[in-house]
Amino acid sequence: MVLSADAARTVVGIIGNVISFGLFISPVPTFYRIIKKKSVEEFKPDPYLATVLNCMLWIFYGMPFVHPDSLLVVTINSVGLVFELIYLGIFFIYAKKDGRKKVAYWLAGEVLFFIAVVLLGLLLFNDTKTRSLFVGIFCDILNILMYFSPLTIMKKVIVNKSVEYMPFYLSLANFLNGSVWTAYALIKFDIYVLVSNGLGAISGAIQLILYAVYCRYTPKHGDGKGSKQSELELSTNTNLQIETV
């Protein structure tokens, strides 16, 4: 039995949703550590702040009056938004004063930006095609920025010859997520999904190559050679333009 292009695309999209959910819950060990130590240590809130805005925009994108028949877009990003807000809430509780200010100011700025996008999308465009294009461009830009947010970590890996700062499973999930959504875009050509996720797959592949090259040089925890971990979580890269049929 041969699947039609639309059916195959739907199956790939569902797989993409599963991987995206895995990415949303991947920071749980990090925040368990923060709660246990009652300190954020050197962890940064930046990836979670970026993902909050990304999820809000994709939820708006999936609304029937913007991009019809996109229920999965709304559901998976709603789940992601809840997770990210919980993470930021934990970070806020255990961060120092400067860290709390950063979270509060950035969240306020993101809410204002989101409101501006919503108002412009609803007031300036009268049909779903142009609204989808308008909102989709913002979503695509954010996806590209988040896919390449680990560049500073990759530089640290090369300089220190250590993958301590680049978690393997997050790098793997980043690669798989980009690859699955690239396949999704190629089955029924979608340039917006293809560009950001194609670049994401490349970014993830580079991370895995670096891991393979430098993992043997990474000192084990507790041997006295490792430096204090300052893990920067890879942002949750969920380009979820699923068109249900």
Protein backbone atom coordinates (compact mmCIF):
# COMPACT_ATOMS: atom_id res chain seq x y z
CA MET A 1 0.00 0.00 0.00
CA VAL A 2 1.44 3.35 -1.07
CA LEU A 3 0.69 6.43 0.98
CA SER A 4 -0.42 9.54 -0.81
CA ALA A 5 1.73 12.65 -0.48
CA ASP A 6 -0.77 14.26 1.87
CA ALA A 7 -1.00 11.16 4.05
CA ALA A 8 2.78 10.81 4.18
CA ARG A 9 3.11 14.46 5.08
CA THR A 10 0.60 14.05 7.91
CA VAL A 11 2.50 11.04 9.29
CA VAL A 12 5.79 12.91 9.18
CA GLY A 13 4.12 15.90 10.83
CA ILE A 14 2.90 13.71 13.71
CA ILE A 15 6.42 12.31 14.16
CA GLY A 16 7.66 15.90 14.20
CA ASN A 17 5.18 16.72 16.95
CA VAL A 18 6.45 13.81 19.05
CA ILE A 19 10.05 14.95 18.65
CA SER A 20 9.05 18.53 19.42
CA PHE A 21 7.37 17.37 22.64
CA GLY A 22 10.61 15.60 23.54
CA LEU A 23 12.46 18.86 23.04
CA PHE A 24 9.99 20.70 25.28
CA ILE A 25 10.58 18.30 28.18
CA SER A 26 14.35 17.93 27.64
CA PRO A 27 15.27 20.75 30.10
CA VAL A 28 13.56 18.93 33.01
CA PRO A 29 16.87 17.53 34.41
CA THR A 30 18.36 21.02 34.32
CA PHE A 31 15.53 22.51 36.37
CA TYR A 32 15.53 19.55 38.74
CA ARG A 33 19.16 20.42 39.39
CA ILE A 34 18.27 24.10 39.92
CA ILE A 35 15.53 23.19 42.42
CA LYS A 36 17.80 20.72 44.21
CA LYS A 37 20.64 23.23 44.56
CA LYS A 38 18.30 26.20 45.05
CA SER A 39 20.44 28.15 42.59
CA VAL A 40 20.47 28.77 38.83
CA GLU A 41 24.29 28.64 38.93
CA GLU A 42 25.52 29.71 35.48
CA PHE A 43 22.44 28.63 33.56
CA LYS A 44 20.85 31.28 31.35
CA PRO A 45 17.14 31.97 30.74
CA ASP A 46 17.70 33.10 27.13
CA PRO A 47 16.63 29.89 25.31
CA TYR A 48 13.42 29.65 27.33
CA LEU A 49 12.58 33.31 26.79
CA ALA A 50 13.08 32.86 23.05
CA THR A 51 10.92 29.73 23.01
CA VAL A 52 8.06 31.49 24.80
CA LEU A 53 7.83 34.07 22.02
CA ASN A 54 8.19 31.37 19.38
CA CYS A 55 5.34 29.33 20.87
CA MET A 56 3.06 32.36 21.16
CA LEU A 57 3.61 33.27 17.52
CA TRP A 58 2.98 29.70 16.32
CA ILE A 59 -0.20 29.50 18.39
CA PHE A 60 -1.42 32.66 16.67
CA TYR A 61 -0.29 31.27 13.31
CA GLY A 62 -2.39 28.13 13.87
CA MET A 63 -5.60 30.02 14.57
CA PRO A 64 -8.38 29.36 12.00
CA PHE A 65 -8.47 33.02 10.99
CA VAL A 66 -4.74 33.00 10.21
CA HIS A 67 -3.91 29.49 8.94
CA PRO A 68 -6.97 27.18 8.80
CA ASP A 69 -6.82 23.46 9.62
CA SER A 70 -3.77 23.76 11.86
CA LEU A 71 -5.02 22.29 15.11
CA LEU A 72 -1.76 20.44 15.79
CA VAL A 73 0.12 23.71 15.52
CA VAL A 74 -1.97 25.19 18.32
CA THR A 75 -1.95 22.14 20.59
CA ILE A 76 1.78 21.32 20.56
CA ASN A 77 2.80 24.96 20.94
CA SER A 78 0.29 25.47 23.74
CA VAL A 79 1.89 22.55 25.57
CA GLY A 80 5.32 24.03 24.86
CA LEU A 81 4.28 27.45 26.13
CA VAL A 82 3.10 25.96 29.44
CA PHE A 83 6.40 24.10 29.89
CA GLU A 84 8.52 27.14 29.07
CA LEU A 85 6.58 29.38 31.48
CA ILE A 86 7.06 26.77 34.22
CA TYR A 87 10.80 26.71 33.52
CA LEU A 88 10.99 30.50 33.66
CA GLY A 89 8.96 30.53 36.87
CA ILE A 90 11.48 28.17 38.48
CA PHE A 91 14.35 30.26 37.14
CA PHE A 92 12.75 33.43 38.52
CA ILE A 93 12.37 31.89 41.99
CA TYR A 94 16.00 30.80 42.30
CA ALA A 95 17.76 33.54 40.31
CA LYS A 96 19.47 36.56 41.78
CA LYS A 97 18.02 40.06 41.43
CA ASP A 98 19.61 40.75 38.02
CA GLY A 99 18.36 37.41 36.67
CA ARG A 100 14.83 38.12 37.85
CA LYS A 101 14.86 41.55 36.24
CA LYS A 102 16.03 40.07 32.95
CA VAL A 103 13.20 37.52 32.92
CA ALA A 104 10.56 40.11 33.84
CA TYR A 105 11.72 42.73 31.31
CA TRP A 106 12.11 40.27 28.46
CA LEU A 107 8.72 38.66 29.07
CA ALA A 108 7.07 42.08 29.14
CA GLY A 109 8.81 43.02 25.89
CA GLU A 110 7.78 39.76 24.23
CA VAL A 111 4.15 40.20 25.23
CA LEU A 112 4.14 43.71 23.75
CA PHE A 113 5.78 42.46 20.55
CA PHE A 114 3.26 39.60 20.29
CA ILE A 115 0.34 42.01 20.75
CA ALA A 116 1.77 44.23 18.00
CA VAL A 117 2.06 41.27 15.58
CA VAL A 118 -1.51 40.18 16.37
CA LEU A 119 -2.94 43.66 15.83
CA LEU A 120 -1.00 44.23 12.60
CA GLY A 121 -1.94 40.79 11.28
CA LEU A 122 -5.63 41.27 11.97
CA LEU A 123 -5.93 44.91 10.96
CA LEU A 124 -3.69 45.08 7.88
CA PHE A 125 -4.54 41.77 6.20
CA ASN A 126 -8.03 40.63 5.27
CA ASP A 127 -7.46 37.02 4.17
CA THR A 128 -5.80 33.96 5.65
CA LYS A 129 -3.23 33.67 2.87
CA THR A 130 -1.62 37.05 3.53
CA ARG A 131 -1.99 36.68 7.29
CA SER A 132 -0.24 33.30 7.13
CA LEU A 133 2.57 34.86 5.12
CA PHE A 134 2.95 37.79 7.53
CA VAL A 135 2.99 35.71 10.71
CA GLY A 136 4.92 32.84 9.11
CA ILE A 137 7.84 35.11 8.24
CA PHE A 138 8.21 36.13 11.90
CA CYS A 139 8.00 32.49 12.98
CA ASP A 140 10.62 31.49 10.42
CA ILE A 141 13.05 34.20 11.51
CA LEU A 142 12.75 33.10 15.15
CA ASN A 143 13.28 29.46 14.21
CA ILE A 144 16.46 30.28 12.32
CA LEU A 145 17.78 32.37 15.22
CA MET A 146 17.03 29.62 17.72
CA TYR A 147 18.51 26.86 15.59
CA PHE A 148 21.79 28.76 15.52
CA SER A 149 21.71 29.94 19.13
CA PRO A 150 24.15 27.14 20.12
CA LEU A 151 26.91 28.68 17.97
CA THR A 152 28.55 30.17 21.08
CA ILE A 153 28.48 26.74 22.72
CA MET A 154 30.03 25.14 19.63
CA LYS A 155 32.84 27.70 19.81
CA LYS A 156 33.36 26.83 23.48
CA VAL A 157 33.57 23.13 22.57
CA ILE A 158 36.32 23.81 20.02
CA VAL A 159 38.28 26.18 22.29
CA ASN A 160 38.07 23.93 25.38
CA LYS A 161 38.18 20.64 23.44
CA SER A 162 35.35 19.47 25.66
CA VAL A 163 31.68 18.66 25.03
CA GLU A 164 30.73 19.19 28.69
CA TYR A 165 28.82 22.31 27.69
CA MET A 166 26.93 20.68 24.80
CA PRO A 167 24.50 17.93 25.93
CA PHE A 168 24.46 15.05 23.46
CA TYR A 169 20.75 14.23 23.61
CA LEU A 170 19.75 17.84 23.03
CA SER A 171 22.07 18.01 20.02
CA LEU A 172 20.60 14.77 18.70
CA ALA A 173 17.04 16.00 19.22
CA ASN A 174 17.94 19.27 17.47
CA PHE A 175 19.22 17.33 14.45
CA LEU A 176 16.23 14.95 14.33
CA ASN A 177 13.73 17.78 14.69
CA GLY A 178 15.28 19.76 11.83
CA SER A 179 15.53 16.67 9.63
CA VAL A 180 11.93 15.54 10.16
CA TRP A 181 10.47 18.97 9.43
CA THR A 182 12.74 19.31 6.39
CA ALA A 183 11.28 16.05 5.06
CA TYR A 184 7.81 17.35 5.85
CA ALA A 185 8.46 20.48 3.78
CA LEU A 186 9.88 18.54 0.83
CA ILE A 187 6.93 16.12 0.53
CA LYS A 188 4.67 19.04 -0.29
CA PHE A 189 7.00 21.93 -0.96
CA ASP A 190 6.84 24.63 1.71
CA ILE A 191 9.67 27.15 1.50
CA TYR A 192 9.11 28.61 4.97
CA VAL A 193 9.30 25.25 6.72
CA LEU A 194 12.17 24.10 4.49
CA VAL A 195 14.54 27.04 4.99
CA SER A 196 14.55 27.24 8.78
CA ASN A 197 14.49 23.49 9.38
CA GLY A 198 17.02 22.70 6.67
CA LEU A 199 19.41 25.09 8.43
CA GLY A 200 18.42 23.49 11.74
CA ALA A 201 19.32 20.03 10.47
CA ILE A 202 22.71 21.36 9.36
CA SER A 203 23.26 23.02 12.74
CA GLY A 204 22.37 19.78 14.56
CA ALA A 205 24.66 17.74 12.29
CA ILE A 206 27.58 20.09 13.06
CA GLN A 207 26.94 19.70 16.79
CA LEU A 208 26.96 15.90 16.51
CA ILE A 209 30.18 15.97 14.49
CA LEU A 210 31.81 18.16 17.14
CA TYR A 211 30.57 15.78 19.82
CA ALA A 212 32.10 12.80 18.01
CA VAL A 213 35.42 14.62 17.61
CA TYR A 214 35.80 16.00 21.16
CA CYS A 215 33.87 13.59 23.44
CA ARG A 216 36.99 11.50 24.10
CA TYR A 217 38.84 14.58 25.34
CA THR A 218 36.09 15.56 27.80
CA PRO A 219 37.11 14.90 31.43
CA LYS A 220 34.73 12.85 33.53
CA HIS A 221 32.90 14.57 36.37
CA GLY A 222 34.68 14.17 39.62
CA ASP A 223 38.22 13.69 38.22
CA GLY A 224 39.22 17.19 39.20
CA LYS A 225 39.80 18.32 35.62
CA GLY A 226 36.33 19.40 34.62
CA SER A 227 35.21 22.95 34.99
CA LYS A 228 31.90 23.96 36.52
CA GLN A 229 29.16 23.16 34.09
CA SER A 230 27.51 26.11 32.44
CA GLU A 231 25.10 24.30 30.19
CA LEU A 232 23.10 26.33 27.73
CA GLU A 233 20.03 24.40 26.68
CA LEU A 234 19.38 24.22 22.99
CA SER A 235 16.22 26.10 22.30
CA THR A 236 13.11 24.25 21.44
CA ASN A 237 12.98 24.42 17.72
CA THR A 238 9.49 23.66 16.68
CA ASN A 239 8.49 24.70 13.22
CA LEU A 240 4.98 23.31 13.38
CA GLN A 241 3.25 24.32 10.16
CA ILE A 242 1.09 21.18 10.02
CA GLU A 243 -1.74 21.31 7.54
CA THR A 244 -4.28 18.65 8.46
CA VAL A 245 -6.22 17.06 5.65
